[in-house]
Protein backbone atom coordinates (compact mmCIF):
# COMPACT_ATOMS: atom_id res chain seq x y z
CA MET A 1 93.07 135.23 81.21
CA GLY A 2 91.09 137.18 83.77
CA THR A 3 90.66 138.04 87.26
CA CYS A 4 88.18 137.83 89.93
CA ASP A 5 87.56 139.03 93.42
CA LEU A 6 86.08 136.48 95.93
CA ILE A 7 84.45 138.41 98.86
CA ILE A 8 83.74 136.78 102.19
CA PRO A 9 82.45 138.98 104.96
CA ASN A 10 85.58 141.00 106.19
CA VAL A 11 87.94 139.15 103.76
CA LYS A 12 88.70 139.72 100.36
CA PHE A 13 90.52 137.21 98.06
CA SER A 14 91.77 138.13 94.49
CA CYS A 15 92.62 135.33 92.24
CA VAL A 16 93.81 134.94 88.54
CA PHE A 17 92.16 132.28 86.53
CA ASP A 18 92.21 130.76 82.98
CA GLY A 19 89.46 128.81 81.16
CA GLY A 20 90.05 125.69 83.32
CA ALA A 21 89.21 127.46 86.59
CA THR A 22 86.16 129.21 85.33
CA GLN A 23 83.91 126.40 86.92
CA TYR A 24 85.61 126.99 90.15
CA LYS A 25 84.84 130.75 90.08
CA ASP A 26 81.45 129.99 89.20
CA ILE A 27 80.90 127.88 92.16
CA TRP A 28 82.13 130.57 94.53
CA THR A 29 80.16 133.43 92.77
CA ASN A 30 77.01 132.06 91.78
CA LYS A 31 76.38 128.91 93.86
CA SER A 32 76.48 127.99 97.59
CA ALA A 33 80.18 127.89 98.67
CA LEU A 34 79.10 125.83 101.85
CA CYS A 35 78.47 122.84 99.61
CA CYS A 36 81.89 123.15 97.93
CA VAL A 37 83.70 123.47 101.28
CA SER A 38 81.69 120.77 102.87
CA SER A 39 82.59 118.51 99.98
CA VAL A 40 86.41 119.10 100.29
CA ASP A 41 86.33 118.88 104.03
CA LEU A 42 84.59 115.45 104.01
CA LEU A 43 87.17 114.30 101.31
CA ILE A 44 90.15 115.19 103.24
CA LEU A 45 88.90 113.86 106.60
CA SER A 46 88.02 110.51 104.87
CA ALA A 47 91.59 110.38 103.53
CA VAL A 48 93.40 111.37 106.73
CA ILE A 49 91.44 108.92 108.90
CA VAL A 50 92.97 105.81 107.44
CA ASN A 51 96.31 105.72 109.33
CA PRO A 52 94.87 106.69 112.81
CA MET A 53 92.23 103.96 112.44
CA ARG A 54 94.88 101.39 111.34
CA GLU A 55 96.90 102.25 114.33
CA ASP A 56 94.01 102.02 116.61
CA CYS A 57 93.23 98.61 115.20
CA ARG A 58 96.65 97.26 116.00
CA ARG A 59 96.41 98.54 119.50
CA ARG A 60 93.30 96.87 120.21
CA GLY A 61 94.73 93.51 118.85
CA TRP A 62 92.86 93.54 115.39
CA ARG A 63 94.70 93.24 112.19
CA ALA A 64 95.16 96.64 110.57
CA SER A 65 93.29 95.54 107.31
CA LYS A 66 90.02 95.32 109.46
CA ALA A 67 90.02 99.14 109.30
CA THR A 68 89.86 99.18 105.50
CA PRO A 69 86.12 98.62 105.19
CA PHE A 70 85.20 101.12 107.69
CA CYS A 71 87.32 103.79 105.74
CA LEU A 72 85.43 103.16 102.56
CA LEU A 73 82.18 104.77 103.95
CA PRO A 74 82.67 108.38 104.71
CA VAL A 75 81.39 109.45 108.04
CA VAL A 76 79.33 106.28 108.48
CA GLY A 77 82.23 103.91 108.43
CA PRO A 78 84.13 105.60 111.23
CA ALA A 79 81.11 105.97 113.29
CA LEU A 80 80.49 102.24 112.93
CA TYR A 81 84.20 101.45 113.88
CA LEU A 82 83.83 103.33 117.15
CA LEU A 83 80.70 101.28 117.94
CA LEU A 84 82.18 97.94 117.02
CA ARG A 85 85.77 98.14 118.08
CA PRO A 86 86.82 95.92 120.92
CA ARG A 87 87.91 97.58 124.38
CA LEU A 88 91.50 98.69 124.64
CA ASN A 89 93.54 96.13 126.50
CA ASP A 90 95.33 97.62 129.52
């Protein structure tokens, strides 16, 4: 078991890791952390967009299942949905 110090400007994080977390430590210390953070951000946003998009489909008179294909393509799918969705009924 070892320890590491992750230093981001003006913030210092200390962590404890075992053999399984060595790759995570390697990403933060030797590779671009921006790539790792961006990937996690994209994954979280892709997972969270499903329910709001399904609710929007129902409000616009579409079946909620029509949102599923748009959710399968990260970033591009929700953008296409915004372009192709029908107008909101008043």
